Amino acid sequence: MRKRIIVVAGNIGAGKTSLTERIGARMNWLTGFESVSDNPYLPDFYADMKSWSFHLQVYFLGHRADQYLQAANATRSAILDRSIYEDAYIFARALHHMGNLSERDYMAYRRLFEVVMNGLPAPHLLIYLKAPVEVLMERIHRRARGIETGITISYLTLLESFYEEWLGSFDLCPMLTIRTDNLDYVNQESALETVTRSITDKLSGKEVIEL
């Protein structure tokens, strides 16, 4: 298979990191993950979202653009946990919608995002992971990450609506949708094999229905 760039998108708790880890290991692909533990803005952001939303979004944009360029310049295929597009179309939009990102800062961020996007090649596949909001909430509670304590069902539902709107017109590359409440690729080898086969089929141009 030729070198490919695959990006994994999906709501909080959808299973992006688990899929990225397992597909990367199985296919011997490079992997890229979201900057959380080493993110210098997250503590300030969670203490005062209005003051730090713009800084956080710019940091994420730079981090993901650098990660994406490294994947594009590598000799091996790569799979990236969360796409750079979600920063703008989902999370920055949500911060603006909730009043934590001013109109001025939101528009400045979007202009910067468009400039960055114009310099990046399109991915070869976007994998969209989805599950009912109630399932996402249960997973978030189970993993008990301190930074996720303030996540609510209403917030996840808002993000879900933004995902559906964005992906309804997404045309940069082929997309594979996987219902992660139906496929337990973390614990079931057969489910992981099904997902792997669907990804390789999609990359080869075959028609693949939603899993």
N, C-alpha and C. Protein backbone atom coordinates (compact mmCIF):
# COMPACT_ATOMS: atom_id res chain seq x y z
N MET A 1 0.85 -1.19 0.00
CA MET A 1 0.00 0.00 0.00
C MET A 1 0.88 1.25 0.00
N ARG A 2 0.50 2.23 -0.81
CA ARG A 2 1.25 3.48 -0.85
C ARG A 2 1.11 4.23 0.47
N LYS A 3 2.02 5.16 0.68
CA LYS A 3 2.00 5.97 1.91
C LYS A 3 0.70 6.76 2.00
N ARG A 4 0.09 6.76 3.18
CA ARG A 4 -1.21 7.40 3.39
C ARG A 4 -1.18 8.20 4.69
N ILE A 5 -2.05 9.23 4.74
CA ILE A 5 -2.31 9.97 5.98
C ILE A 5 -3.78 9.76 6.34
N ILE A 6 -4.01 9.23 7.52
CA ILE A 6 -5.37 8.96 7.99
C ILE A 6 -5.60 9.80 9.24
N VAL A 7 -6.74 10.48 9.31
CA VAL A 7 -7.07 11.25 10.50
C VAL A 7 -8.33 10.66 11.14
N VAL A 8 -8.34 10.64 12.46
CA VAL A 8 -9.46 10.07 13.21
C VAL A 8 -10.21 11.20 13.90
N ALA A 9 -11.50 11.29 13.66
CA ALA A 9 -12.34 12.35 14.23
C ALA A 9 -13.45 11.73 15.07
N GLY A 10 -13.98 12.53 15.99
CA GLY A 10 -15.09 12.03 16.78
C GLY A 10 -15.22 12.76 18.10
N ASN A 11 -16.39 12.69 18.66
CA ASN A 11 -16.71 13.37 19.91
C ASN A 11 -15.84 12.84 21.06
N ILE A 12 -15.85 13.54 22.16
CA ILE A 12 -15.10 13.12 23.34
C ILE A 12 -15.61 11.76 23.82
N GLY A 13 -14.69 10.82 24.01
CA GLY A 13 -15.09 9.49 24.46
C GLY A 13 -15.47 8.53 23.37
N ALA A 14 -15.30 8.94 22.10
CA ALA A 14 -15.72 8.08 20.99
C ALA A 14 -14.79 6.90 20.77
N GLY A 15 -13.54 7.01 21.24
CA GLY A 15 -12.59 5.91 21.08
C GLY A 15 -11.46 6.19 20.11
N LYS A 16 -11.14 7.46 19.91
CA LYS A 16 -10.12 7.85 18.91
C LYS A 16 -8.72 7.37 19.28
N THR A 17 -8.32 7.59 20.53
CA THR A 17 -6.98 7.19 20.95
C THR A 17 -6.81 5.69 20.89
N SER A 18 -7.80 4.95 21.34
CA SER A 18 -7.73 3.48 21.32
C SER A 18 -7.60 2.97 19.89
N LEU A 19 -8.37 3.54 18.97
CA LEU A 19 -8.31 3.10 17.58
C LEU A 19 -6.95 3.45 16.97
N THR A 20 -6.48 4.67 17.22
CA THR A 20 -5.20 5.11 16.68
C THR A 20 -4.07 4.20 17.15
N GLU A 21 -4.06 3.88 18.43
CA GLU A 21 -3.02 3.00 18.98
C GLU A 21 -3.05 1.64 18.32
N ARG A 22 -4.23 1.05 18.19
CA ARG A 22 -4.32 -0.32 17.70
C ARG A 22 -4.09 -0.42 16.20
N ILE A 23 -4.64 0.51 15.44
CA ILE A 23 -4.42 0.47 13.99
C ILE A 23 -2.96 0.81 13.68
N GLY A 24 -2.39 1.76 14.40
CA GLY A 24 -0.98 2.09 14.19
C GLY A 24 -0.08 0.88 14.43
N ALA A 25 -0.34 0.15 15.52
CA ALA A 25 0.47 -1.02 15.85
C ALA A 25 0.26 -2.14 14.83
N ARG A 26 -0.99 -2.36 14.44
CA ARG A 26 -1.29 -3.47 13.54
C ARG A 26 -0.75 -3.22 12.14
N MET A 27 -0.82 -1.98 11.67
CA MET A 27 -0.41 -1.65 10.30
C MET A 27 1.02 -1.11 10.22
N ASN A 28 1.68 -0.99 11.37
CA ASN A 28 3.03 -0.40 11.42
C ASN A 28 3.04 1.02 10.87
N TRP A 29 2.02 1.78 11.23
CA TRP A 29 1.92 3.18 10.82
C TRP A 29 2.43 4.08 11.94
N LEU A 30 2.93 5.24 11.56
CA LEU A 30 3.24 6.27 12.54
C LEU A 30 1.95 6.72 13.21
N THR A 31 2.03 7.11 14.48
CA THR A 31 0.85 7.59 15.20
C THR A 31 1.10 8.98 15.76
N GLY A 32 0.05 9.77 15.81
CA GLY A 32 0.13 11.09 16.42
C GLY A 32 -1.05 11.29 17.35
N PHE A 33 -0.79 11.90 18.52
CA PHE A 33 -1.83 12.03 19.52
C PHE A 33 -1.99 13.48 19.96
N GLU A 34 -3.13 13.76 20.54
CA GLU A 34 -3.45 15.11 21.00
C GLU A 34 -2.53 15.53 22.14
N SER A 35 -2.11 16.79 22.13
CA SER A 35 -1.25 17.32 23.19
C SER A 35 -2.11 17.69 24.40
N VAL A 36 -2.01 16.90 25.47
CA VAL A 36 -2.79 17.16 26.68
C VAL A 36 -1.86 17.35 27.88
N SER A 37 -1.10 16.32 28.22
CA SER A 37 -0.26 16.38 29.42
C SER A 37 0.83 17.44 29.30
N ASP A 38 1.28 17.73 28.07
CA ASP A 38 2.35 18.72 27.88
C ASP A 38 1.83 20.05 27.35
N ASN A 39 0.52 20.24 27.43
CA ASN A 39 -0.08 21.47 26.92
C ASN A 39 0.04 22.58 27.97
N PRO A 40 0.78 23.67 27.68
CA PRO A 40 1.01 24.70 28.70
C PRO A 40 -0.19 25.59 28.98
N TYR A 41 -1.24 25.49 28.16
CA TYR A 41 -2.39 26.38 28.33
C TYR A 41 -3.59 25.74 29.02
N LEU A 42 -3.63 24.42 29.06
CA LEU A 42 -4.82 23.76 29.60
C LEU A 42 -5.15 24.16 31.04
N PRO A 43 -4.20 24.19 31.98
CA PRO A 43 -4.56 24.59 33.35
C PRO A 43 -5.18 25.98 33.41
N ASP A 44 -4.60 26.95 32.71
CA ASP A 44 -5.16 28.30 32.69
C ASP A 44 -6.52 28.33 32.02
N PHE A 45 -6.66 27.55 30.95
CA PHE A 45 -7.93 27.50 30.22
C PHE A 45 -9.06 27.01 31.12
N TYR A 46 -8.82 25.94 31.86
CA TYR A 46 -9.88 25.40 32.71
C TYR A 46 -10.17 26.29 33.92
N ALA A 47 -9.20 27.13 34.28
CA ALA A 47 -9.43 28.07 35.38
C ALA A 47 -10.19 29.30 34.93
N ASP A 48 -10.01 29.69 33.65
CA ASP A 48 -10.66 30.90 33.13
C ASP A 48 -10.79 30.77 31.61
N MET A 49 -11.86 30.14 31.16
CA MET A 49 -12.02 29.82 29.75
C MET A 49 -12.10 31.07 28.87
N LYS A 50 -12.77 32.10 29.34
CA LYS A 50 -12.91 33.31 28.51
C LYS A 50 -11.57 33.96 28.23
N SER A 51 -10.69 33.94 29.21
CA SER A 51 -9.39 34.61 29.05
C SER A 51 -8.41 33.80 28.21
N TRP A 52 -8.57 32.47 28.18
CA TRP A 52 -7.54 31.64 27.59
C TRP A 52 -8.00 30.81 26.39
N SER A 53 -9.24 30.93 25.97
CA SER A 53 -9.74 30.13 24.84
C SER A 53 -8.95 30.39 23.56
N PHE A 54 -8.70 31.65 23.25
CA PHE A 54 -7.99 31.98 22.02
C PHE A 54 -6.58 31.41 22.05
N HIS A 55 -5.89 31.58 23.17
CA HIS A 55 -4.53 31.07 23.30
C HIS A 55 -4.49 29.55 23.11
N LEU A 56 -5.45 28.87 23.74
CA LEU A 56 -5.49 27.42 23.66
C LEU A 56 -5.73 26.96 22.22
N GLN A 57 -6.66 27.59 21.53
CA GLN A 57 -6.97 27.19 20.16
C GLN A 57 -5.79 27.43 19.23
N VAL A 58 -5.10 28.53 19.41
CA VAL A 58 -3.92 28.80 18.58
C VAL A 58 -2.83 27.77 18.86
N TYR A 59 -2.66 27.41 20.13
CA TYR A 59 -1.66 26.39 20.47
C TYR A 59 -2.01 25.06 19.80
N PHE A 60 -3.27 24.63 19.91
CA PHE A 60 -3.68 23.38 19.30
C PHE A 60 -3.49 23.42 17.78
N LEU A 61 -3.81 24.55 17.17
CA LEU A 61 -3.65 24.67 15.73
C LEU A 61 -2.19 24.48 15.33
N GLY A 62 -1.29 25.13 16.04
CA GLY A 62 0.13 24.99 15.74
C GLY A 62 0.63 23.58 15.97
N HIS A 63 0.19 22.98 17.08
CA HIS A 63 0.60 21.60 17.40
C HIS A 63 0.13 20.63 16.33
N ARG A 64 -1.13 20.74 15.94
CA ARG A 64 -1.66 19.79 14.97
C ARG A 64 -1.07 20.02 13.58
N ALA A 65 -0.84 21.27 13.21
CA ALA A 65 -0.24 21.55 11.91
C ALA A 65 1.17 20.97 11.83
N ASP A 66 1.93 21.13 12.90
CA ASP A 66 3.28 20.58 12.95
C ASP A 66 3.24 19.06 12.89
N GLN A 67 2.33 18.46 13.64
CA GLN A 67 2.16 17.01 13.65
C GLN A 67 1.77 16.51 12.26
N TYR A 68 0.88 17.22 11.61
CA TYR A 68 0.41 16.82 10.29
C TYR A 68 1.53 16.91 9.26
N LEU A 69 2.33 17.98 9.33
CA LEU A 69 3.45 18.13 8.40
C LEU A 69 4.48 17.03 8.60
N GLN A 70 4.73 16.65 9.83
CA GLN A 70 5.65 15.55 10.10
C GLN A 70 5.14 14.26 9.46
N ALA A 71 3.83 14.03 9.57
CA ALA A 71 3.23 12.85 8.96
C ALA A 71 3.33 12.91 7.44
N ALA A 72 3.09 14.09 6.87
CA ALA A 72 3.14 14.26 5.42
C ALA A 72 4.55 14.03 4.88
N ASN A 73 5.56 14.39 5.66
CA ASN A 73 6.95 14.28 5.21
C ASN A 73 7.59 12.94 5.55
N ALA A 74 6.91 12.12 6.32
CA ALA A 74 7.46 10.82 6.70
C ALA A 74 7.37 9.83 5.54
N THR A 75 8.16 8.79 5.63
CA THR A 75 8.14 7.76 4.57
C THR A 75 7.04 6.73 4.80
N ARG A 76 6.62 6.57 6.06
CA ARG A 76 5.57 5.60 6.39
C ARG A 76 4.21 6.28 6.43
N SER A 77 3.17 5.47 6.29
CA SER A 77 1.82 5.98 6.50
C SER A 77 1.65 6.39 7.95
N ALA A 78 0.68 7.25 8.21
CA ALA A 78 0.46 7.76 9.57
C ALA A 78 -1.03 7.84 9.86
N ILE A 79 -1.37 7.63 11.12
CA ILE A 79 -2.74 7.80 11.59
C ILE A 79 -2.71 8.75 12.78
N LEU A 80 -3.55 9.78 12.73
CA LEU A 80 -3.52 10.86 13.71
C LEU A 80 -4.81 10.89 14.53
N ASP A 81 -4.64 10.93 15.84
CA ASP A 81 -5.75 10.98 16.80
C ASP A 81 -6.29 12.40 16.87
N ARG A 82 -7.43 12.62 16.36
CA ARG A 82 -8.17 13.87 16.19
C ARG A 82 -7.60 14.66 15.03
N SER A 83 -8.50 15.12 14.17
CA SER A 83 -8.08 15.87 12.99
C SER A 83 -7.90 17.34 13.31
N ILE A 84 -7.10 18.00 12.51
CA ILE A 84 -6.89 19.43 12.68
C ILE A 84 -8.17 20.21 12.38
N TYR A 85 -9.04 19.64 11.58
CA TYR A 85 -10.28 20.33 11.19
C TYR A 85 -11.23 20.51 12.36
N GLU A 86 -11.21 19.56 13.29
CA GLU A 86 -12.13 19.63 14.43
C GLU A 86 -11.86 20.83 15.33
N ASP A 87 -10.61 21.28 15.37
CA ASP A 87 -10.30 22.45 16.17
C ASP A 87 -11.16 23.64 15.77
N ALA A 88 -11.29 23.84 14.47
CA ALA A 88 -12.05 25.00 13.98
C ALA A 88 -13.54 24.72 13.92
N TYR A 89 -13.91 23.62 13.27
CA TYR A 89 -15.32 23.37 12.98
C TYR A 89 -16.12 22.86 14.18
N ILE A 90 -15.44 22.35 15.18
CA ILE A 90 -16.14 21.81 16.35
C ILE A 90 -15.82 22.63 17.60
N PHE A 91 -14.57 22.63 18.04
CA PHE A 91 -14.25 23.14 19.37
C PHE A 91 -14.15 24.66 19.44
N ALA A 92 -13.50 25.29 18.48
CA ALA A 92 -13.49 26.76 18.48
C ALA A 92 -14.91 27.29 18.27
N ARG A 93 -15.66 26.62 17.41
CA ARG A 93 -17.05 27.03 17.20
C ARG A 93 -17.87 26.89 18.48
N ALA A 94 -17.65 25.81 19.22
CA ALA A 94 -18.37 25.62 20.48
C ALA A 94 -18.00 26.69 21.50
N LEU A 95 -16.72 27.01 21.59
CA LEU A 95 -16.28 28.05 22.53
C LEU A 95 -16.92 29.40 22.17
N HIS A 96 -17.00 29.69 20.88
CA HIS A 96 -17.65 30.92 20.43
C HIS A 96 -19.14 30.89 20.74
N HIS A 97 -19.76 29.76 20.47
CA HIS A 97 -21.21 29.60 20.70
C HIS A 97 -21.56 29.79 22.18
N MET A 98 -20.69 29.34 23.07
CA MET A 98 -20.96 29.42 24.51
C MET A 98 -20.49 30.73 25.13
N GLY A 99 -19.92 31.62 24.30
CA GLY A 99 -19.51 32.93 24.80
C GLY A 99 -18.13 32.97 25.40
N ASN A 100 -17.34 31.90 25.23
CA ASN A 100 -15.99 31.88 25.78
C ASN A 100 -14.93 32.35 24.80
N LEU A 101 -15.32 32.56 23.55
CA LEU A 101 -14.41 33.07 22.53
C LEU A 101 -15.14 34.21 21.82
N SER A 102 -14.60 35.42 21.93
CA SER A 102 -15.28 36.59 21.38
C SER A 102 -15.36 36.51 19.86
N GLU A 103 -16.25 37.29 19.29
CA GLU A 103 -16.39 37.32 17.83
C GLU A 103 -15.07 37.74 17.18
N ARG A 104 -14.42 38.73 17.73
CA ARG A 104 -13.15 39.21 17.17
C ARG A 104 -12.09 38.12 17.19
N ASP A 105 -11.94 37.45 18.33
CA ASP A 105 -10.94 36.39 18.44
C ASP A 105 -11.31 35.19 17.57
N TYR A 106 -12.59 34.88 17.50
CA TYR A 106 -13.04 33.74 16.68
C TYR A 106 -12.73 33.98 15.22
N MET A 107 -13.00 35.18 14.72
CA MET A 107 -12.74 35.49 13.32
C MET A 107 -11.24 35.51 13.04
N ALA A 108 -10.45 36.03 13.98
CA ALA A 108 -8.99 36.03 13.81
C ALA A 108 -8.46 34.60 13.76
N TYR A 109 -9.00 33.75 14.63
CA TYR A 109 -8.59 32.35 14.64
C TYR A 109 -8.97 31.67 13.33
N ARG A 110 -10.17 31.89 12.85
CA ARG A 110 -10.62 31.25 11.62
C ARG A 110 -9.77 31.69 10.41
N ARG A 111 -9.37 32.96 10.38
CA ARG A 111 -8.50 33.41 9.29
C ARG A 111 -7.16 32.69 9.34
N LEU A 112 -6.61 32.56 10.54
CA LEU A 112 -5.35 31.85 10.70
C LEU A 112 -5.50 30.38 10.32
N PHE A 113 -6.60 29.77 10.72
CA PHE A 113 -6.87 28.38 10.38
C PHE A 113 -6.90 28.18 8.86
N GLU A 114 -7.57 29.08 8.15
CA GLU A 114 -7.67 28.94 6.69
C GLU A 114 -6.29 29.07 6.03
N VAL A 115 -5.46 29.97 6.53
CA VAL A 115 -4.10 30.11 5.99
C VAL A 115 -3.31 28.82 6.20
N VAL A 116 -3.39 28.25 7.40
CA VAL A 116 -2.69 27.01 7.70
C VAL A 116 -3.20 25.88 6.80
N MET A 117 -4.52 25.78 6.64
CA MET A 117 -5.10 24.71 5.84
C MET A 117 -4.64 24.78 4.39
N ASN A 118 -4.47 25.97 3.86
CA ASN A 118 -4.05 26.13 2.47
C ASN A 118 -2.64 25.59 2.23
N GLY A 119 -1.86 25.43 3.31
CA GLY A 119 -0.50 24.92 3.17
C GLY A 119 -0.36 23.44 3.47
N LEU A 120 -1.48 22.76 3.76
CA LEU A 120 -1.42 21.34 4.11
C LEU A 120 -2.08 20.48 3.03
N PRO A 121 -1.51 19.33 2.71
CA PRO A 121 -2.18 18.42 1.77
C PRO A 121 -3.40 17.78 2.43
N ALA A 122 -4.35 17.41 1.62
CA ALA A 122 -5.54 16.73 2.16
C ALA A 122 -5.17 15.33 2.64
N PRO A 123 -5.84 14.84 3.68
CA PRO A 123 -5.60 13.45 4.10
C PRO A 123 -6.16 12.48 3.06
N HIS A 124 -5.82 11.23 3.21
CA HIS A 124 -6.33 10.21 2.28
C HIS A 124 -7.61 9.56 2.81
N LEU A 125 -7.84 9.67 4.12
CA LEU A 125 -9.05 9.10 4.71
C LEU A 125 -9.34 9.76 6.04
N LEU A 126 -10.60 10.07 6.28
CA LEU A 126 -11.05 10.53 7.58
C LEU A 126 -11.93 9.44 8.17
N ILE A 127 -11.58 8.97 9.36
CA ILE A 127 -12.38 7.98 10.08
C ILE A 127 -13.19 8.71 11.14
N TYR A 128 -14.50 8.63 11.03
CA TYR A 128 -15.38 9.30 11.99
C TYR A 128 -15.97 8.27 12.94
N LEU A 129 -15.60 8.39 14.21
CA LEU A 129 -16.11 7.50 15.24
C LEU A 129 -17.30 8.15 15.94
N LYS A 130 -18.37 7.41 16.09
CA LYS A 130 -19.56 7.98 16.74
C LYS A 130 -20.20 6.95 17.65
N ALA A 131 -20.88 7.49 18.67
CA ALA A 131 -21.62 6.67 19.62
C ALA A 131 -22.67 7.57 20.26
N PRO A 132 -23.75 7.00 20.79
CA PRO A 132 -24.76 7.82 21.46
C PRO A 132 -24.15 8.63 22.60
N VAL A 133 -24.68 9.80 22.82
CA VAL A 133 -24.14 10.69 23.85
C VAL A 133 -24.13 10.02 25.22
N GLU A 134 -25.14 9.23 25.52
CA GLU A 134 -25.18 8.55 26.81
C GLU A 134 -24.01 7.59 26.97
N VAL A 135 -23.63 6.92 25.88
CA VAL A 135 -22.48 6.01 25.91
C VAL A 135 -21.19 6.80 26.10
N LEU A 136 -21.07 7.92 25.42
CA LEU A 136 -19.89 8.78 25.57
C LEU A 136 -19.76 9.24 27.02
N MET A 137 -20.87 9.65 27.62
CA MET A 137 -20.85 10.13 28.99
C MET A 137 -20.43 9.03 29.95
N GLU A 138 -20.90 7.83 29.73
CA GLU A 138 -20.53 6.70 30.58
C GLU A 138 -19.03 6.41 30.48
N ARG A 139 -18.49 6.47 29.27
CA ARG A 139 -17.05 6.24 29.09
C ARG A 139 -16.23 7.33 29.76
N ILE A 140 -16.66 8.57 29.66
CA ILE A 140 -15.95 9.68 30.27
C ILE A 140 -15.92 9.51 31.80
N HIS A 141 -17.04 9.13 32.37
CA HIS A 141 -17.09 8.90 33.82
C HIS A 141 -16.19 7.74 34.22
N ARG A 142 -16.15 6.71 33.37
CA ARG A 142 -15.38 5.51 33.70
C ARG A 142 -13.88 5.79 33.70
N ARG A 143 -13.41 6.59 32.75
CA ARG A 143 -11.97 6.84 32.69
C ARG A 143 -11.53 7.93 33.67
N ALA A 144 -12.46 8.73 34.15
CA ALA A 144 -12.24 9.65 35.29
C ALA A 144 -11.00 10.53 35.12
N ARG A 145 -10.90 11.19 33.99
CA ARG A 145 -9.82 12.16 33.81
C ARG A 145 -10.20 13.47 34.48
N GLY A 146 -9.27 14.03 35.24
CA GLY A 146 -9.57 15.25 35.97
C GLY A 146 -10.02 16.40 35.11
N ILE A 147 -9.42 16.54 33.91
CA ILE A 147 -9.76 17.68 33.05
C ILE A 147 -11.13 17.53 32.40
N GLU A 148 -11.75 16.35 32.53
CA GLU A 148 -13.04 16.12 31.89
C GLU A 148 -14.21 16.17 32.88
N THR A 149 -13.96 16.59 34.11
CA THR A 149 -15.01 16.56 35.13
C THR A 149 -16.16 17.51 34.82
N GLY A 150 -15.91 18.56 34.05
CA GLY A 150 -16.96 19.52 33.77
C GLY A 150 -17.78 19.22 32.53
N ILE A 151 -17.50 18.11 31.85
CA ILE A 151 -18.22 17.77 30.62
C ILE A 151 -19.64 17.32 30.96
N THR A 152 -20.60 17.85 30.25
CA THR A 152 -22.01 17.54 30.48
C THR A 152 -22.63 16.92 29.22
N ILE A 153 -23.79 16.32 29.42
CA ILE A 153 -24.51 15.76 28.27
C ILE A 153 -24.89 16.85 27.29
N SER A 154 -25.27 18.02 27.78
CA SER A 154 -25.65 19.11 26.88
C SER A 154 -24.46 19.57 26.04
N TYR A 155 -23.26 19.56 26.61
CA TYR A 155 -22.06 19.95 25.85
C TYR A 155 -21.75 18.91 24.78
N LEU A 156 -21.82 17.63 25.14
CA LEU A 156 -21.57 16.57 24.17
C LEU A 156 -22.61 16.61 23.05
N THR A 157 -23.84 16.93 23.40
CA THR A 157 -24.90 17.02 22.39
C THR A 157 -24.64 18.19 21.44
N LEU A 158 -24.16 19.31 21.98
CA LEU A 158 -23.81 20.45 21.13
C LEU A 158 -22.70 20.06 20.16
N LEU A 159 -21.66 19.42 20.68
CA LEU A 159 -20.56 18.98 19.81
C LEU A 159 -21.06 18.02 18.74
N GLU A 160 -21.93 17.11 19.14
CA GLU A 160 -22.49 16.13 18.20
C GLU A 160 -23.21 16.83 17.04
N SER A 161 -23.96 17.87 17.35
CA SER A 161 -24.68 18.60 16.29
C SER A 161 -23.70 19.29 15.35
N PHE A 162 -22.59 19.80 15.89
CA PHE A 162 -21.57 20.43 15.05
C PHE A 162 -20.87 19.39 14.18
N TYR A 163 -20.61 18.21 14.72
CA TYR A 163 -20.01 17.14 13.93
C TYR A 163 -20.90 16.77 12.75
N GLU A 164 -22.17 16.58 13.01
CA GLU A 164 -23.09 16.17 11.95
C GLU A 164 -23.18 17.24 10.86
N GLU A 165 -23.18 18.50 11.26
CA GLU A 165 -23.24 19.59 10.28
C GLU A 165 -21.97 19.65 9.45
N TRP A 166 -20.83 19.58 10.12
CA TRP A 166 -19.55 19.66 9.42
C TRP A 166 -19.36 18.50 8.46
N LEU A 167 -19.60 17.28 8.93
CA LEU A 167 -19.34 16.11 8.11
C LEU A 167 -20.40 15.91 7.03
N GLY A 168 -21.52 16.59 7.18
CA GLY A 168 -22.54 16.52 6.14
C GLY A 168 -22.09 17.13 4.83
N SER A 169 -21.11 18.02 4.88
CA SER A 169 -20.60 18.66 3.66
C SER A 169 -19.10 18.42 3.48
N PHE A 170 -18.52 17.50 4.24
CA PHE A 170 -17.08 17.24 4.17
C PHE A 170 -16.74 16.55 2.86
N ASP A 171 -15.78 17.10 2.11
CA ASP A 171 -15.44 16.51 0.81
C ASP A 171 -13.94 16.53 0.51
N LEU A 172 -13.10 16.70 1.53
CA LEU A 172 -11.66 16.75 1.30
C LEU A 172 -11.07 15.39 0.95
N CYS A 173 -11.70 14.33 1.44
CA CYS A 173 -11.19 12.98 1.21
C CYS A 173 -12.32 12.00 1.51
N PRO A 174 -12.14 10.72 1.19
CA PRO A 174 -13.15 9.73 1.57
C PRO A 174 -13.30 9.67 3.09
N MET A 175 -14.48 9.24 3.54
CA MET A 175 -14.77 9.16 4.97
C MET A 175 -15.34 7.79 5.30
N LEU A 176 -14.89 7.23 6.41
CA LEU A 176 -15.41 5.97 6.92
C LEU A 176 -16.01 6.22 8.29
N THR A 177 -17.30 5.92 8.46
CA THR A 177 -17.98 6.11 9.73
C THR A 177 -18.05 4.79 10.49
N ILE A 178 -17.67 4.82 11.76
CA ILE A 178 -17.68 3.61 12.58
C ILE A 178 -18.47 3.89 13.86
N ARG A 179 -19.50 3.09 14.12
CA ARG A 179 -20.27 3.18 15.36
C ARG A 179 -19.52 2.39 16.43
N THR A 180 -18.89 3.10 17.36
CA THR A 180 -18.05 2.42 18.35
C THR A 180 -18.85 1.79 19.48
N ASP A 181 -20.15 2.03 19.54
CA ASP A 181 -20.96 1.30 20.51
C ASP A 181 -21.32 -0.08 19.97
N ASN A 182 -21.09 -0.30 18.67
CA ASN A 182 -21.38 -1.59 18.05
C ASN A 182 -20.15 -2.47 17.90
N LEU A 183 -18.98 -1.84 17.79
CA LEU A 183 -17.74 -2.59 17.55
C LEU A 183 -16.76 -2.35 18.70
N ASP A 184 -16.46 -3.39 19.46
CA ASP A 184 -15.53 -3.28 20.58
C ASP A 184 -14.13 -3.70 20.11
N TYR A 185 -13.48 -2.80 19.36
CA TYR A 185 -12.15 -3.13 18.84
C TYR A 185 -11.07 -3.07 19.91
N VAL A 186 -11.42 -2.62 21.11
CA VAL A 186 -10.45 -2.61 22.21
C VAL A 186 -10.28 -4.01 22.79
N ASN A 187 -11.38 -4.74 22.94
CA ASN A 187 -11.35 -6.03 23.63
C ASN A 187 -11.59 -7.23 22.72
N GLN A 188 -12.10 -6.99 21.51
CA GLN A 188 -12.43 -8.10 20.62
C GLN A 188 -11.56 -8.06 19.37
N GLU A 189 -10.75 -9.09 19.19
CA GLU A 189 -9.85 -9.16 18.04
C GLU A 189 -10.62 -9.18 16.72
N SER A 190 -11.77 -9.85 16.72
CA SER A 190 -12.57 -9.92 15.49
C SER A 190 -13.09 -8.55 15.08
N ALA A 191 -13.45 -7.73 16.07
CA ALA A 191 -13.93 -6.38 15.77
C ALA A 191 -12.79 -5.53 15.23
N LEU A 192 -11.59 -5.66 15.80
CA LEU A 192 -10.44 -4.91 15.30
C LEU A 192 -10.10 -5.34 13.89
N GLU A 193 -10.22 -6.63 13.60
CA GLU A 193 -9.97 -7.13 12.25
C GLU A 193 -10.98 -6.54 11.27
N THR A 194 -12.24 -6.45 11.68
CA THR A 194 -13.27 -5.86 10.82
C THR A 194 -12.96 -4.41 10.50
N VAL A 195 -12.56 -3.66 11.53
CA VAL A 195 -12.22 -2.24 11.33
C VAL A 195 -11.00 -2.11 10.42
N THR A 196 -9.98 -2.91 10.66
CA THR A 196 -8.75 -2.86 9.85
C THR A 196 -9.06 -3.15 8.39
N ARG A 197 -9.84 -4.18 8.15
CA ARG A 197 -10.20 -4.55 6.78
C ARG A 197 -10.99 -3.44 6.10
N SER A 198 -11.90 -2.82 6.83
CA SER A 198 -12.71 -1.74 6.26
C SER A 198 -11.83 -0.53 5.91
N ILE A 199 -10.83 -0.23 6.75
CA ILE A 199 -9.94 0.89 6.48
C ILE A 199 -9.11 0.62 5.22
N THR A 200 -8.54 -0.57 5.11
CA THR A 200 -7.73 -0.89 3.93
C THR A 200 -8.58 -0.94 2.67
N ASP A 201 -9.81 -1.45 2.79
CA ASP A 201 -10.72 -1.45 1.64
C ASP A 201 -11.04 -0.03 1.20
N LYS A 202 -11.33 0.83 2.16
CA LYS A 202 -11.67 2.22 1.84
C LYS A 202 -10.48 2.92 1.18
N LEU A 203 -9.28 2.68 1.68
CA LEU A 203 -8.09 3.31 1.11
C LEU A 203 -7.80 2.79 -0.30
N SER A 204 -8.25 1.59 -0.61
CA SER A 204 -8.03 1.03 -1.94
C SER A 204 -9.13 1.42 -2.92
N GLY A 205 -10.11 2.19 -2.42
CA GLY A 205 -11.16 2.69 -3.31
C GLY A 205 -12.43 1.87 -3.33
N LYS A 206 -12.51 0.85 -2.48
CA LYS A 206 -13.70 0.02 -2.44
C LYS A 206 -14.82 0.73 -1.67
N GLU A 207 -16.04 0.35 -2.01
CA GLU A 207 -17.20 0.90 -1.30
C GLU A 207 -17.36 0.18 0.04
N VAL A 208 -17.42 0.96 1.11
CA VAL A 208 -17.55 0.39 2.46
C VAL A 208 -18.73 1.08 3.14
N ILE A 209 -19.67 0.29 3.64
CA ILE A 209 -20.81 0.86 4.32
C ILE A 209 -20.41 1.24 5.73
N GLU A 210 -21.23 2.06 6.39
CA GLU A 210 -20.97 2.43 7.79
C GLU A 210 -20.93 1.20 8.66
N LEU A 211 -19.93 1.12 9.51
CA LEU A 211 -19.80 -0.02 10.43
C LEU A 211 -20.59 0.20 11.70
